[in-house]
Amino acid sequence: MTILVVLIIIFVLFLLGAALIILVIAPLILLQPERRTREWYARRSSLLEPRDANLPQEDVTISTKDGIALSAWLVKQQSSARGTILYLHGVGDAKIGGIAHARLWFNNGYNVVLYDSRQHGGSGGHYCTYGYYEKQDVSTVIDYLLERKDIQAGNIGIFGTSMGAAIALQAAAIDARIKAVVAEASFTDLRTISVDYQRRIVKLPWHFLRNFAMTRSQKIARFKARDVSPLEDVKRLSTPVLFIHGTNDEFIRVEYSKTLYEHAYGPKDLLIIEGANHNDIWEVGGNIYERKIIGFFDQHLH
């Protein structure tokens, strides 16, 4: 076998491998991220439900406009509340990750709603679209809250982390009932962050791979990736936004929150936590982080 034949075989195998990544693996990674389960959290935390944090807990199911069942927890004040805060988790995560935040907000007088995004946790749905459909789900959750006669929702704010932050910004751009947003470690747009993840997961930097994979993903899930752009949304968003990011974030670069802050149209603030990574911002930020968030919601919701 000549060297030329060997090189041709290697090249063909490379093309086959690239085709497999583009047509099969990449769309699955994008549209169906691995779900963190209750068992996953049980190995790391004792807080698996709000009641584990001594919070009043109501298990609810909210149906989206396209018939997907969202698994949610309502943590309701017994008397009047200062407002209501929705917790939106990150990609692959679940509402369990927000229990500690719910305790913080409840102890400061707020109702809290935590729910699993579509195709996450205990919710239904086949595909994750990073805000394209999920922003409408936020409005559906707000509809549910306001239809409940036993809930004094007050003004409504959203805390979103990672993907949840991006969804929160997109939702606030279409729903004026959202009065304040805390966006922790958000990306600027789906196409840009997809290239970042491609480089990290499959070690290939080429944009054309992203474009092929994205085109395939859009056809499968019936959405438009270009419309998933928190950066474009904040340019016309009058809702107050607090952007938070860690300087050592290895998943979503801190520059993205700085860019969002610079382009935000409405009232805005920026908290950069020195030395924090993607998943330890509260741990590193400590009391500064807590006071900033509570103060922000108190100012704009109460």
Protein backbone atom coordinates (compact mmCIF):
# COMPACT_ATOMS: atom_id res chain seq x y z
CA MET A 1 0.00 0.00 0.00
CA THR A 2 1.50 3.30 -1.11
CA ILE A 3 1.72 6.42 1.00
CA LEU A 4 -0.76 8.12 -1.33
CA VAL A 5 -3.36 5.39 -0.77
CA VAL A 6 -2.86 5.64 3.00
CA LEU A 7 -3.35 9.38 2.87
CA ILE A 8 -6.50 8.98 0.81
CA ILE A 9 -7.90 6.47 3.31
CA ILE A 10 -7.09 8.79 6.22
CA PHE A 11 -8.75 11.69 4.43
CA VAL A 12 -11.89 9.64 3.68
CA LEU A 13 -12.09 8.51 7.32
CA PHE A 14 -11.72 12.11 8.41
CA LEU A 15 -14.59 13.16 6.14
CA LEU A 16 -16.77 10.34 7.46
CA GLY A 17 -15.98 11.34 11.03
CA ALA A 18 -16.71 15.00 10.30
CA ALA A 19 -20.00 14.04 8.65
CA LEU A 20 -20.96 11.99 11.71
CA ILE A 21 -20.21 14.96 13.97
CA ILE A 22 -22.09 17.42 11.77
CA LEU A 23 -25.20 15.37 11.03
CA VAL A 24 -25.67 13.29 14.18
CA ILE A 25 -23.54 14.07 17.23
CA ALA A 26 -23.51 17.88 17.17
CA PRO A 27 -27.31 18.32 16.83
CA LEU A 28 -27.88 15.82 19.66
CA ILE A 29 -25.43 17.64 21.93
CA LEU A 30 -27.07 20.96 21.12
CA LEU A 31 -30.75 19.98 21.21
CA GLN A 32 -30.71 17.24 23.85
CA PRO A 33 -28.16 18.13 26.53
CA GLU A 34 -27.64 15.55 29.23
CA ARG A 35 -30.09 16.05 32.09
CA ARG A 36 -28.97 16.40 35.68
CA THR A 37 -31.20 14.17 37.76
CA ARG A 38 -32.28 14.01 41.39
CA GLU A 39 -29.78 11.17 41.82
CA TRP A 40 -26.99 13.38 40.48
CA TYR A 41 -27.80 16.03 43.05
CA ALA A 42 -28.27 13.52 45.87
CA ARG A 43 -24.56 12.68 45.65
CA ARG A 44 -23.67 16.34 46.13
CA SER A 45 -26.35 18.02 48.25
CA SER A 46 -29.02 17.43 50.86
CA LEU A 47 -31.26 20.06 49.25
CA LEU A 48 -33.35 18.08 46.80
CA GLU A 49 -36.68 19.88 47.30
CA PRO A 50 -37.65 23.24 48.82
CA ARG A 51 -38.97 21.48 51.94
CA ASP A 52 -35.41 20.26 52.58
CA ALA A 53 -34.52 23.94 53.08
CA ASN A 54 -37.53 24.40 55.42
CA LEU A 55 -39.47 26.20 52.71
CA PRO A 56 -43.20 25.84 52.00
CA GLN A 57 -43.47 23.75 48.86
CA GLU A 58 -46.25 23.26 46.35
CA ASP A 59 -45.63 20.91 43.42
CA VAL A 60 -47.28 22.23 40.27
CA THR A 61 -47.38 21.33 36.59
CA ILE A 62 -47.71 24.12 34.04
CA SER A 63 -48.62 23.37 30.43
CA THR A 64 -46.92 25.39 27.70
CA LYS A 65 -48.75 26.71 24.66
CA ASP A 66 -47.52 23.76 22.61
CA GLY A 67 -48.61 21.23 25.23
CA ILE A 68 -45.35 20.51 27.09
CA ALA A 69 -45.68 19.85 30.82
CA LEU A 70 -43.27 21.92 32.93
CA SER A 71 -42.45 20.56 36.37
CA ALA A 72 -42.41 23.42 38.90
CA TRP A 73 -42.24 24.30 42.58
CA LEU A 74 -44.09 27.22 44.08
CA VAL A 75 -42.63 28.66 47.28
CA LYS A 76 -45.30 31.06 48.55
CA GLN A 77 -45.32 33.55 51.39
CA GLN A 78 -48.15 32.98 53.87
CA SER A 79 -48.94 36.68 54.01
CA SER A 80 -48.18 39.51 51.60
CA ALA A 81 -45.01 39.16 49.52
CA ARG A 82 -42.54 41.78 48.33
CA GLY A 83 -42.89 40.33 44.83
CA THR A 84 -42.25 37.07 42.98
CA ILE A 85 -38.96 35.81 41.57
CA LEU A 86 -38.66 33.13 38.88
CA TYR A 87 -35.52 30.97 38.89
CA LEU A 88 -34.27 29.81 35.47
CA HIS A 89 -31.52 27.18 35.50
CA GLY A 90 -28.67 26.57 33.07
CA VAL A 91 -28.30 24.06 30.26
CA GLY A 92 -28.48 20.45 31.41
CA ASP A 93 -29.38 21.55 34.94
CA ALA A 94 -32.67 21.43 36.83
CA LYS A 95 -34.77 23.46 39.24
CA ILE A 96 -33.06 21.65 42.14
CA GLY A 97 -30.05 23.87 41.54
CA GLY A 98 -32.06 26.93 42.58
CA ILE A 99 -33.22 25.79 46.03
CA ALA A 100 -30.52 27.72 47.90
CA HIS A 101 -31.42 30.86 45.96
CA ALA A 102 -35.09 30.27 46.73
CA ARG A 103 -34.29 30.16 50.45
CA LEU A 104 -32.42 33.47 50.20
CA TRP A 105 -35.27 35.20 48.40
CA PHE A 106 -38.04 33.68 50.52
CA ASN A 107 -36.28 34.75 53.71
CA ASN A 108 -36.22 38.26 52.28
CA GLY A 109 -39.98 38.28 51.68
CA TYR A 110 -40.42 37.03 48.12
CA ASN A 111 -42.49 34.31 46.53
CA VAL A 112 -40.36 32.04 44.37
CA VAL A 113 -41.12 29.84 41.37
CA LEU A 114 -38.59 27.24 40.23
CA TYR A 115 -39.28 25.14 37.17
CA ASP A 116 -37.49 22.73 34.87
CA SER A 117 -37.09 24.15 31.40
CA ARG A 118 -38.42 22.08 28.50
CA GLN A 119 -36.26 19.01 27.82
CA HIS A 120 -34.74 19.35 31.30
CA GLY A 121 -35.29 17.78 34.69
CA GLY A 122 -38.81 16.49 35.17
CA SER A 123 -40.32 18.53 32.34
CA GLY A 124 -41.37 17.22 28.97
CA GLY A 125 -40.22 18.24 25.53
CA HIS A 126 -37.80 16.74 23.05
CA TYR A 127 -35.56 19.68 22.24
CA CYS A 128 -33.79 22.57 23.95
CA THR A 129 -33.78 25.76 21.86
CA TYR A 130 -31.98 28.12 24.29
CA GLY A 131 -34.74 30.69 24.42
CA TYR A 132 -36.48 30.48 21.06
CA TYR A 133 -39.44 28.63 22.58
CA GLU A 134 -38.38 28.92 26.21
CA LYS A 135 -39.02 32.68 26.35
CA GLN A 136 -42.66 31.98 25.59
CA ASP A 137 -42.70 29.43 28.42
CA VAL A 138 -41.68 32.19 30.85
CA SER A 139 -44.77 34.15 29.84
CA THR A 140 -46.88 31.04 30.33
CA VAL A 141 -45.53 30.63 33.88
CA ILE A 142 -46.39 34.27 34.59
CA ASP A 143 -49.88 33.70 33.20
CA TYR A 144 -50.28 30.80 35.62
CA LEU A 145 -49.18 32.93 38.58
CA LEU A 146 -51.56 35.77 37.79
CA GLU A 147 -54.48 33.39 37.27
CA ARG A 148 -54.05 31.98 40.77
CA LYS A 149 -56.40 33.93 43.04
CA ASP A 150 -54.59 32.70 46.17
CA ILE A 151 -51.25 34.23 45.15
CA GLN A 152 -50.37 37.88 45.64
CA ALA A 153 -47.63 37.84 43.03
CA GLY A 154 -46.78 41.52 43.13
CA ASN A 155 -44.11 42.65 40.71
CA ILE A 156 -42.26 39.83 38.96
CA GLY A 157 -38.53 39.45 38.56
CA ILE A 158 -36.34 36.77 37.03
CA PHE A 159 -33.02 35.33 38.09
CA GLY A 160 -31.40 33.30 35.34
CA THR A 161 -28.05 31.59 35.30
CA SER A 162 -26.13 30.61 32.15
CA MET A 163 -28.74 29.51 29.59
CA GLY A 164 -31.39 30.65 32.05
CA ALA A 165 -29.90 34.14 31.99
CA ALA A 166 -30.09 34.21 28.20
CA ILE A 167 -33.71 33.04 28.34
CA ALA A 168 -34.55 35.69 30.95
CA LEU A 169 -33.23 38.50 28.74
CA GLN A 170 -35.14 37.19 25.73
CA ALA A 171 -38.33 36.82 27.78
CA ALA A 172 -38.10 40.34 29.22
CA ALA A 173 -37.85 41.71 25.68
CA ILE A 174 -41.32 40.36 24.85
CA ASP A 175 -43.12 40.50 28.21
CA ALA A 176 -43.50 43.87 29.95
CA ARG A 177 -44.78 42.16 33.11
CA ILE A 178 -41.16 41.27 33.94
CA LYS A 179 -39.94 44.20 36.03
CA ALA A 180 -36.34 43.17 36.79
CA VAL A 181 -33.79 40.64 35.54
CA VAL A 182 -30.64 39.27 37.12
CA ALA A 183 -28.61 37.66 34.33
CA GLU A 184 -25.77 35.55 35.70
CA ALA A 185 -23.15 34.32 33.19
CA SER A 186 -25.23 34.84 30.06
CA PHE A 187 -24.03 34.28 26.51
CA THR A 188 -24.52 36.94 23.82
CA ASP A 189 -26.02 34.78 21.06
CA LEU A 190 -26.44 31.10 20.28
CA ARG A 191 -24.26 31.00 17.19
CA THR A 192 -21.27 32.50 19.00
CA ILE A 193 -21.48 30.29 22.07
CA SER A 194 -21.93 27.23 19.83
CA VAL A 195 -18.50 27.86 18.32
CA ASP A 196 -17.02 28.13 21.83
CA TYR A 197 -18.55 24.81 22.85
CA GLN A 198 -17.49 23.19 19.59
CA ARG A 199 -13.87 24.14 20.22
CA ARG A 200 -14.01 22.76 23.75
CA ILE A 201 -15.92 19.52 23.10
CA VAL A 202 -14.79 18.33 19.66
CA LYS A 203 -11.58 20.43 19.41
CA LEU A 204 -12.41 21.72 15.93
CA PRO A 205 -12.52 25.52 15.47
CA TRP A 206 -14.00 25.78 11.99
CA HIS A 207 -17.16 27.86 11.69
CA PHE A 208 -18.45 25.85 8.73
CA LEU A 209 -18.90 22.84 11.03
CA ARG A 210 -21.01 25.00 13.33
CA ASN A 211 -23.02 26.24 10.38
CA PHE A 212 -23.79 22.75 9.08
CA ALA A 213 -24.64 21.46 12.58
CA MET A 214 -26.79 24.50 13.31
CA THR A 215 -28.66 24.18 10.03
CA ARG A 216 -29.39 20.54 10.81
CA SER A 217 -30.47 21.41 14.37
CA GLN A 218 -32.82 24.14 13.18
CA LYS A 219 -34.58 21.73 10.83
CA ILE A 220 -34.95 19.11 13.56
CA ALA A 221 -36.28 21.42 16.28
CA ARG A 222 -37.99 23.94 13.97
CA PHE A 223 -36.39 27.09 15.31
CA LYS A 224 -34.17 29.94 14.09
CA ALA A 225 -30.78 30.14 15.78
CA ARG A 226 -30.22 33.74 14.67
CA ASP A 227 -33.26 34.78 16.70
CA VAL A 228 -31.62 33.48 19.89
CA SER A 229 -29.67 36.64 20.61
CA PRO A 230 -29.77 38.24 24.07
CA LEU A 231 -27.39 40.86 22.67
CA GLU A 232 -30.00 42.11 20.23
CA ASP A 233 -32.71 41.94 22.88
CA VAL A 234 -30.91 44.10 25.46
CA LYS A 235 -30.48 46.86 22.89
CA ARG A 236 -34.23 47.54 23.06
CA LEU A 237 -34.94 46.32 26.58
CA SER A 238 -36.13 48.95 29.06
CA THR A 239 -36.36 46.48 31.96
CA PRO A 240 -33.66 46.95 34.64
CA VAL A 241 -30.95 44.30 34.36
CA LEU A 242 -28.16 43.28 36.72
CA PHE A 243 -25.43 41.37 34.89
CA ILE A 244 -23.19 39.07 36.95
CA HIS A 245 -20.16 37.07 35.84
CA GLY A 246 -17.01 35.45 37.19
CA THR A 247 -13.64 36.43 35.77
CA ASN A 248 -12.45 32.80 35.59
CA ASP A 249 -15.51 31.39 33.80
CA GLU A 250 -14.28 28.63 31.48
CA PHE A 251 -17.66 27.91 29.89
CA ILE A 252 -19.03 31.36 29.04
CA ARG A 253 -16.47 34.12 28.87
CA VAL A 254 -16.81 37.13 31.16
CA GLU A 255 -16.48 39.37 28.10
CA TYR A 256 -19.97 38.33 27.04
CA SER A 257 -21.61 39.88 30.11
CA LYS A 258 -19.48 42.99 29.66
CA THR A 259 -20.66 43.23 26.06
CA LEU A 260 -24.29 42.78 27.10
CA TYR A 261 -23.89 45.47 29.73
CA GLU A 262 -22.32 47.91 27.28
CA HIS A 263 -25.16 47.47 24.78
CA ALA A 264 -28.04 47.36 27.28
CA TYR A 265 -30.53 50.15 26.67
CA GLY A 266 -32.38 50.35 29.99
CA PRO A 267 -31.31 50.70 33.65
CA LYS A 268 -28.37 48.39 34.20
CA ASP A 269 -25.68 47.28 36.60
CA LEU A 270 -22.70 44.96 36.37
CA LEU A 271 -21.15 42.79 39.09
CA ILE A 272 -17.89 41.06 38.21
CA ILE A 273 -16.75 38.47 40.76
CA GLU A 274 -12.98 38.22 40.71
CA GLY A 275 -11.71 34.64 40.65
CA ALA A 276 -15.14 33.03 40.22
CA ASN A 277 -15.76 30.28 37.67
CA HIS A 278 -19.04 29.35 36.01
CA ASN A 279 -20.54 27.38 38.88
CA ASP A 280 -19.11 29.00 42.02
CA ILE A 281 -20.06 32.66 41.65
CA TRP A 282 -22.13 32.74 44.86
CA GLU A 283 -19.50 30.79 46.77
CA VAL A 284 -16.75 33.21 45.75
CA GLY A 285 -18.87 36.37 45.86
CA GLY A 286 -20.36 35.61 49.26
CA ASN A 287 -22.16 38.45 51.04
CA ILE A 288 -21.38 40.93 48.27
CA TYR A 289 -23.20 38.69 45.79
CA GLU A 290 -26.20 38.20 48.11
CA ARG A 291 -26.57 41.88 49.03
CA LYS A 292 -26.28 42.95 45.41
CA ILE A 293 -29.05 40.65 44.22
CA ILE A 294 -31.42 41.35 47.12
CA GLY A 295 -30.81 45.08 46.86
CA PHE A 296 -31.48 44.99 43.12
CA PHE A 297 -34.79 43.14 43.50
CA ASP A 298 -35.82 45.31 46.45
CA GLN A 299 -35.20 48.43 44.39
CA HIS A 300 -37.09 47.34 41.29
CA LEU A 301 -39.79 44.99 42.58
CA HIS A 302 -40.89 46.31 45.95
